[in-house]
Amino acid sequence: MSNKFIAGVLLGAVAGTALVLFLNSEKGKELIKDLKEGAGKMQEDLSDLADDVLQKGRSFMDETEQAS
């Protein structure tokens, strides 16, 4: 094995350990909570947007049929 590979594995292990330790801290838990809330809000917004687009599409189709 080359020294670069070993250094990469060690660096990855250290970074992974640091990430786990951070995510288990209070700030990490708060970050996870904020991300979950943001994802939920984004899901609601996208659902609302999809509903609006479908409604406008249906209205357009109805208007097109009536104009024919």
PDB file of N, CA and C in Angstrom:
ATOM      1  N   MET A   1       0.842  -1.184   0.000  1.00  0.00           N
ATOM      2  CA  MET A   1       0.000   0.000   0.000  1.00  0.00           C
ATOM      3  C   MET A   1       0.885   1.244   0.000  1.00  0.00           C
ATOM      4  N   SER A   2       0.391   2.250  -0.680  1.00  0.00           N
ATOM      5  CA  SER A   2       1.177   3.469  -0.755  1.00  0.00           C
ATOM      6  C   SER A   2       0.902   4.342   0.469  1.00  0.00           C
ATOM      7  N   ASN A   3       1.838   5.243   0.701  1.00  0.00           N
ATOM      8  CA  ASN A   3       1.692   6.157   1.839  1.00  0.00           C
ATOM      9  C   ASN A   3       0.492   7.084   1.661  1.00  0.00           C
ATOM     10  N   LYS A   4       0.183   7.450   0.422  1.00  0.00           N
ATOM     11  CA  LYS A   4      -0.959   8.335   0.161  1.00  0.00           C
ATOM     12  C   LYS A   4      -2.270   7.645   0.533  1.00  0.00           C
ATOM     13  N   PHE A   5      -2.366   6.352   0.228  1.00  0.00           N
ATOM     14  CA  PHE A   5      -3.577   5.613   0.550  1.00  0.00           C
ATOM     15  C   PHE A   5      -3.757   5.524   2.058  1.00  0.00           C
ATOM     16  N   ILE A   6      -2.695   5.189   2.768  1.00  0.00           N
ATOM     17  CA  ILE A   6      -2.761   5.075   4.221  1.00  0.00           C
ATOM     18  C   ILE A   6      -3.110   6.426   4.845  1.00  0.00           C
ATOM     19  N   ALA A   7      -2.500   7.490   4.333  1.00  0.00           N
ATOM     20  CA  ALA A   7      -2.793   8.831   4.842  1.00  0.00           C
ATOM     21  C   ALA A   7      -4.264   9.184   4.580  1.00  0.00           C
ATOM     22  N   GLY A   8      -4.782   8.801   3.417  1.00  0.00           N
ATOM     23  CA  GLY A   8      -6.175   9.070   3.093  1.00  0.00           C
ATOM     24  C   GLY A   8      -7.132   8.322   4.008  1.00  0.00           C
ATOM     25  N   VAL A   9      -6.811   7.063   4.302  1.00  0.00           N
ATOM     26  CA  VAL A   9      -7.646   6.271   5.201  1.00  0.00           C
ATOM     27  C   VAL A   9      -7.629   6.871   6.598  1.00  0.00           C
ATOM     28  N   LEU A  10      -6.461   7.253   7.076  1.00  0.00           N
ATOM     29  CA  LEU A  10      -6.355   7.853   8.407  1.00  0.00           C
ATOM     30  C   LEU A  10      -7.088   9.189   8.471  1.00  0.00           C
ATOM     31  N   LEU A  11      -6.932   9.994   7.449  1.00  0.00           N
ATOM     32  CA  LEU A  11      -7.621  11.281   7.412  1.00  0.00           C
ATOM     33  C   LEU A  11      -9.137  11.078   7.390  1.00  0.00           C
ATOM     34  N   GLY A  12      -9.611  10.114   6.619  1.00  0.00           N
ATOM     35  CA  GLY A  12     -11.038   9.815   6.569  1.00  0.00           C
ATOM     36  C   GLY A  12     -11.568   9.341   7.916  1.00  0.00           C
ATOM     37  N   ALA A  13     -10.778   8.516   8.595  1.00  0.00           N
ATOM     38  CA  ALA A  13     -11.186   8.030   9.911  1.00  0.00           C
ATOM     39  C   ALA A  13     -11.254   9.171  10.925  1.00  0.00           C
ATOM     40  N   VAL A  14     -10.277  10.048  10.886  1.00  0.00           N
ATOM     41  CA  VAL A  14     -10.261  11.190  11.808  1.00  0.00           C
ATOM     42  C   VAL A  14     -11.442  12.121  11.507  1.00  0.00           C
ATOM     43  N   ALA A  15     -11.692  12.386  10.230  1.00  0.00           N
ATOM     44  CA  ALA A  15     -12.808  13.263   9.858  1.00  0.00           C
ATOM     45  C   ALA A  15     -14.140  12.633  10.253  1.00  0.00           C
ATOM     46  N   GLY A  16     -14.293  11.346  10.042  1.00  0.00           N
ATOM     47  CA  GLY A  16     -15.515  10.654  10.421  1.00  0.00           C
ATOM     48  C   GLY A  16     -15.746  10.687  11.923  1.00  0.00           C
ATOM     49  N   THR A  17     -14.684  10.476  12.673  1.00  0.00           N
ATOM     50  CA  THR A  17     -14.781  10.518  14.133  1.00  0.00           C
ATOM     51  C   THR A  17     -15.178  11.914  14.604  1.00  0.00           C
ATOM     52  N   ALA A  18     -14.559  12.925  14.025  1.00  0.00           N
ATOM     53  CA  ALA A  18     -14.882  14.305  14.400  1.00  0.00           C
ATOM     54  C   ALA A  18     -16.340  14.625  14.080  1.00  0.00           C
ATOM     55  N   LEU A  19     -16.809  14.151  12.939  1.00  0.00           N
ATOM     56  CA  LEU A  19     -18.198  14.396  12.552  1.00  0.00           C
ATOM     57  C   LEU A  19     -19.166  13.720  13.519  1.00  0.00           C
ATOM     58  N   VAL A  20     -18.899  12.484  13.875  1.00  0.00           N
ATOM     59  CA  VAL A  20     -19.756  11.766  14.829  1.00  0.00           C
ATOM     60  C   VAL A  20     -19.776  12.476  16.176  1.00  0.00           C
ATOM     61  N   LEU A  21     -18.614  12.899  16.641  1.00  0.00           N
ATOM     62  CA  LEU A  21     -18.550  13.595  17.921  1.00  0.00           C
ATOM     63  C   LEU A  21     -19.322  14.913  17.873  1.00  0.00           C
ATOM     64  N   PHE A  22     -19.206  15.627  16.756  1.00  0.00           N
ATOM     65  CA  PHE A  22     -19.936  16.889  16.622  1.00  0.00           C
ATOM     66  C   PHE A  22     -21.440  16.656  16.598  1.00  0.00           C
ATOM     67  N   LEU A  23     -21.878  15.672  15.807  1.00  0.00           N
ATOM     68  CA  LEU A  23     -23.312  15.436  15.680  1.00  0.00           C
ATOM     69  C   LEU A  23     -23.937  14.930  16.974  1.00  0.00           C
ATOM     70  N   ASN A  24     -23.140  14.374  17.856  1.00  0.00           N
ATOM     71  CA  ASN A  24     -23.660  13.921  19.142  1.00  0.00           C
ATOM     72  C   ASN A  24     -23.600  15.009  20.215  1.00  0.00           C
ATOM     73  N   SER A  25     -22.995  16.139  19.904  1.00  0.00           N
ATOM     74  CA  SER A  25     -22.948  17.246  20.852  1.00  0.00           C
ATOM     75  C   SER A  25     -24.272  18.006  20.802  1.00  0.00           C
ATOM     76  N   GLU A  26     -24.484  18.930  21.722  1.00  0.00           N
ATOM     77  CA  GLU A  26     -25.711  19.732  21.738  1.00  0.00           C
ATOM     78  C   GLU A  26     -25.860  20.545  20.458  1.00  0.00           C
ATOM     79  N   LYS A  27     -24.772  21.163  20.004  1.00  0.00           N
ATOM     80  CA  LYS A  27     -24.844  21.953  18.766  1.00  0.00           C
ATOM     81  C   LYS A  27     -25.149  21.063  17.573  1.00  0.00           C
ATOM     82  N   GLY A  28     -24.589  19.866  17.560  1.00  0.00           N
ATOM     83  CA  GLY A  28     -24.853  18.930  16.476  1.00  0.00           C
ATOM     84  C   GLY A  28     -26.303  18.486  16.465  1.00  0.00           C
ATOM     85  N   LYS A  29     -26.836  18.210  17.647  1.00  0.00           N
ATOM     86  CA  LYS A  29     -28.244  17.810  17.745  1.00  0.00           C
ATOM     87  C   LYS A  29     -29.159  18.944  17.312  1.00  0.00           C
ATOM     88  N   GLU A  30     -28.780  20.171  17.666  1.00  0.00           N
ATOM     89  CA  GLU A  30     -29.556  21.341  17.251  1.00  0.00           C
ATOM     90  C   GLU A  30     -29.506  21.497  15.734  1.00  0.00           C
ATOM     91  N   LEU A  31     -28.330  21.258  15.156  1.00  0.00           N
ATOM     92  CA  LEU A  31     -28.182  21.341  13.699  1.00  0.00           C
ATOM     93  C   LEU A  31     -29.068  20.303  13.018  1.00  0.00           C
ATOM     94  N   ILE A  32     -29.065  19.089  13.526  1.00  0.00           N
ATOM     95  CA  ILE A  32     -29.898  18.032  12.944  1.00  0.00           C
ATOM     96  C   ILE A  32     -31.374  18.411  13.038  1.00  0.00           C
ATOM     97  N   LYS A  33     -31.776  18.941  14.190  1.00  0.00           N
ATOM     98  CA  LYS A  33     -33.168  19.365  14.388  1.00  0.00           C
ATOM     99  C   LYS A  33     -33.539  20.454  13.382  1.00  0.00           C
ATOM    100  N   ASP A  34     -32.646  21.438  13.214  1.00  0.00           N
ATOM    101  CA  ASP A  34     -32.900  22.522  12.265  1.00  0.00           C
ATOM    102  C   ASP A  34     -32.999  22.001  10.834  1.00  0.00           C
ATOM    103  N   LEU A  35     -32.135  21.051  10.486  1.00  0.00           N
ATOM    104  CA  LEU A  35     -32.166  20.482   9.138  1.00  0.00           C
ATOM    105  C   LEU A  35     -33.463  19.716   8.893  1.00  0.00           C
ATOM    106  N   LYS A  36     -33.909  18.974   9.898  1.00  0.00           N
ATOM    107  CA  LYS A  36     -35.172  18.241   9.758  1.00  0.00           C
ATOM    108  C   LYS A  36     -36.342  19.199   9.596  1.00  0.00           C
ATOM    109  N   GLU A  37     -36.357  20.269  10.392  1.00  0.00           N
ATOM    110  CA  GLU A  37     -37.435  21.259  10.287  1.00  0.00           C
ATOM    111  C   GLU A  37     -37.409  21.933   8.917  1.00  0.00           C
ATOM    112  N   GLY A  38     -36.208  22.269   8.450  1.00  0.00           N
ATOM    113  CA  GLY A  38     -36.077  22.895   7.137  1.00  0.00           C
ATOM    114  C   GLY A  38     -36.530  21.968   6.021  1.00  0.00           C
ATOM    115  N   ALA A  39     -36.193  20.687   6.145  1.00  0.00           N
ATOM    116  CA  ALA A  39     -36.617  19.720   5.129  1.00  0.00           C
ATOM    117  C   ALA A  39     -38.132  19.564   5.136  1.00  0.00           C
ATOM    118  N   GLY A  40     -38.723  19.553   6.325  1.00  0.00           N
ATOM    119  CA  GLY A  40     -40.183  19.460   6.415  1.00  0.00           C
ATOM    120  C   GLY A  40     -40.863  20.659   5.795  1.00  0.00           C
ATOM    121  N   LYS A  41     -40.326  21.846   6.070  1.00  0.00           N
ATOM    122  CA  LYS A  41     -40.876  23.081   5.495  1.00  0.00           C
ATOM    123  C   LYS A  41     -40.740  23.064   3.977  1.00  0.00           C
ATOM    124  N   MET A  42     -39.585  22.607   3.495  1.00  0.00           N
ATOM    125  CA  MET A  42     -39.363  22.550   2.050  1.00  0.00           C
ATOM    126  C   MET A  42     -40.344  21.568   1.404  1.00  0.00           C
ATOM    127  N   GLN A  43     -40.589  20.450   2.057  1.00  0.00           N
ATOM    128  CA  GLN A  43     -41.537  19.478   1.531  1.00  0.00           C
ATOM    129  C   GLN A  43     -42.935  20.082   1.441  1.00  0.00           C
ATOM    130  N   GLU A  44     -43.341  20.813   2.472  1.00  0.00           N
ATOM    131  CA  GLU A  44     -44.648  21.479   2.447  1.00  0.00           C
ATOM    132  C   GLU A  44     -44.718  22.500   1.313  1.00  0.00           C
ATOM    133  N   ASP A  45     -43.651  23.296   1.166  1.00  0.00           N
ATOM    134  CA  ASP A  45     -43.631  24.320   0.121  1.00  0.00           C
ATOM    135  C   ASP A  45     -43.718  23.688  -1.268  1.00  0.00           C
ATOM    136  N   LEU A  46     -42.975  22.594  -1.474  1.00  0.00           N
ATOM    137  CA  LEU A  46     -43.001  21.929  -2.776  1.00  0.00           C
ATOM    138  C   LEU A  46     -44.370  21.296  -3.046  1.00  0.00           C
ATOM    139  N   SER A  47     -44.977  20.770  -2.015  1.00  0.00           N
ATOM    140  CA  SER A  47     -46.312  20.186  -2.168  1.00  0.00           C
ATOM    141  C   SER A  47     -47.320  21.276  -2.543  1.00  0.00           C
ATOM    142  N   ASP A  48     -47.236  22.418  -1.873  1.00  0.00           N
ATOM    143  CA  ASP A  48     -48.117  23.544  -2.195  1.00  0.00           C
ATOM    144  C   ASP A  48     -47.895  24.020  -3.621  1.00  0.00           C
ATOM    145  N   LEU A  49     -46.629  24.092  -4.028  1.00  0.00           N
ATOM    146  CA  LEU A  49     -46.303  24.521  -5.385  1.00  0.00           C
ATOM    147  C   LEU A  49     -46.858  23.539  -6.408  1.00  0.00           C
ATOM    148  N   ALA A  50     -46.715  22.251  -6.147  1.00  0.00           N
ATOM    149  CA  ALA A  50     -47.244  21.239  -7.064  1.00  0.00           C
ATOM    150  C   ALA A  50     -48.757  21.347  -7.165  1.00  0.00           C
ATOM    151  N   ASP A  51     -49.415  21.555  -6.046  1.00  0.00           N
ATOM    152  CA  ASP A  51     -50.874  21.731  -6.068  1.00  0.00           C
ATOM    153  C   ASP A  51     -51.275  22.942  -6.903  1.00  0.00           C
ATOM    154  N   ASP A  52     -50.547  24.043  -6.739  1.00  0.00           N
ATOM    155  CA  ASP A  52     -50.836  25.257  -7.515  1.00  0.00           C
ATOM    156  C   ASP A  52     -50.649  25.019  -9.006  1.00  0.00           C
ATOM    157  N   VAL A  53     -49.562  24.346  -9.370  1.00  0.00           N
ATOM    158  CA  VAL A  53     -49.283  24.081 -10.780  1.00  0.00           C
ATOM    159  C   VAL A  53     -50.367  23.183 -11.365  1.00  0.00           C
ATOM    160  N   LEU A  54     -50.765  22.146 -10.630  1.00  0.00           N
ATOM    161  CA  LEU A  54     -51.833  21.267 -11.117  1.00  0.00           C
ATOM    162  C   LEU A  54     -53.145  22.016 -11.283  1.00  0.00           C
ATOM    163  N   GLN A  55     -53.461  22.865 -10.331  1.00  0.00           N
ATOM    164  CA  GLN A  55     -54.714  23.645 -10.414  1.00  0.00           C
ATOM    165  C   GLN A  55     -54.690  24.580 -11.622  1.00  0.00           C
ATOM    166  N   LYS A  56     -53.560  25.241 -11.834  1.00  0.00           N
ATOM    167  CA  LYS A  56     -53.457  26.151 -12.981  1.00  0.00           C
ATOM    168  C   LYS A  56     -53.525  25.377 -14.288  1.00  0.00           C
ATOM    169  N   GLY A  57     -52.912  24.183 -14.300  1.00  0.00           N
ATOM    170  CA  GLY A  57     -52.968  23.349 -15.501  1.00  0.00           C
ATOM    171  C   GLY A  57     -54.394  22.914 -15.801  1.00  0.00           C
ATOM    172  N   ARG A  58     -55.118  22.521 -14.763  1.00  0.00           N
ATOM    173  CA  ARG A  58     -56.520  22.124 -14.956  1.00  0.00           C
ATOM    174  C   ARG A  58     -57.357  23.301 -15.447  1.00  0.00           C
ATOM    175  N   SER A  59     -57.136  24.465 -14.859  1.00  0.00           N
ATOM    176  CA  SER A  59     -57.871  25.662 -15.289  1.00  0.00           C
ATOM    177  C   SER A  59     -57.574  25.984 -16.743  1.00  0.00           C
ATOM    178  N   PHE A  60     -56.322  25.868 -17.132  1.00  0.00           N
ATOM    179  CA  PHE A  60     -55.925  26.132 -18.511  1.00  0.00           C
ATOM    180  C   PHE A  60     -56.610  25.149 -19.454  1.00  0.00           C
ATOM    181  N   MET A  61     -56.612  23.877 -19.063  1.00  0.00           N
ATOM    182  CA  MET A  61     -57.253  22.864 -19.909  1.00  0.00           C
ATOM    183  C   MET A  61     -58.750  23.135 -20.027  1.00  0.00           C
ATOM    184  N   ASP A  62     -59.394  23.491 -18.918  1.00  0.00           N
ATOM    185  CA  ASP A  62     -60.825  23.801 -18.958  1.00  0.00           C
ATOM    186  C   ASP A  62     -61.106  24.993 -19.874  1.00  0.00           C
ATOM    187  N   GLU A  63     -60.308  26.027 -19.768  1.00  0.00           N
ATOM    188  CA  GLU A  63     -60.484  27.216 -20.612  1.00  0.00           C
ATOM    189  C   GLU A  63     -60.262  26.879 -22.077  1.00  0.00           C
ATOM    190  N   THR A  64     -59.281  26.025 -22.362  1.00  0.00           N
ATOM    191  CA  THR A  64     -58.985  25.623 -23.737  1.00  0.00           C
ATOM    192  C   THR A  64     -60.146  24.820 -24.319  1.00  0.00           C
ATOM    193  N   GLU A  65     -60.706  23.910 -23.506  1.00  0.00           N
ATOM    194  CA  GLU A  65     -61.835  23.101 -23.968  1.00  0.00           C
ATOM    195  C   GLU A  65     -63.058  23.978 -24.235  1.00  0.00           C
ATOM    196  N   GLN A  66     -63.285  24.969 -23.362  1.00  0.00           N
ATOM    197  CA  GLN A  66     -64.436  25.849 -23.539  1.00  0.00           C
ATOM    198  C   GLN A  66     -64.296  26.751 -24.755  1.00  0.00           C
ATOM    199  N   ALA A  67     -63.052  27.109 -25.075  1.00  0.00           N
ATOM    200  CA  ALA A  67     -62.812  27.993 -26.225  1.00  0.00           C
ATOM    201  C   ALA A  67     -62.962  27.231 -27.543  1.00  0.00           C
ATOM    202  N   SER A  68     -62.852  25.919 -27.501  1.00  0.00           N
ATOM    203  CA  SER A  68     -62.956  25.132 -28.746  1.00  0.00           C
ATOM    204  C   SER A  68     -64.350  25.038 -29.256  1.00  0.00           C
TER     205      SER A  68
END
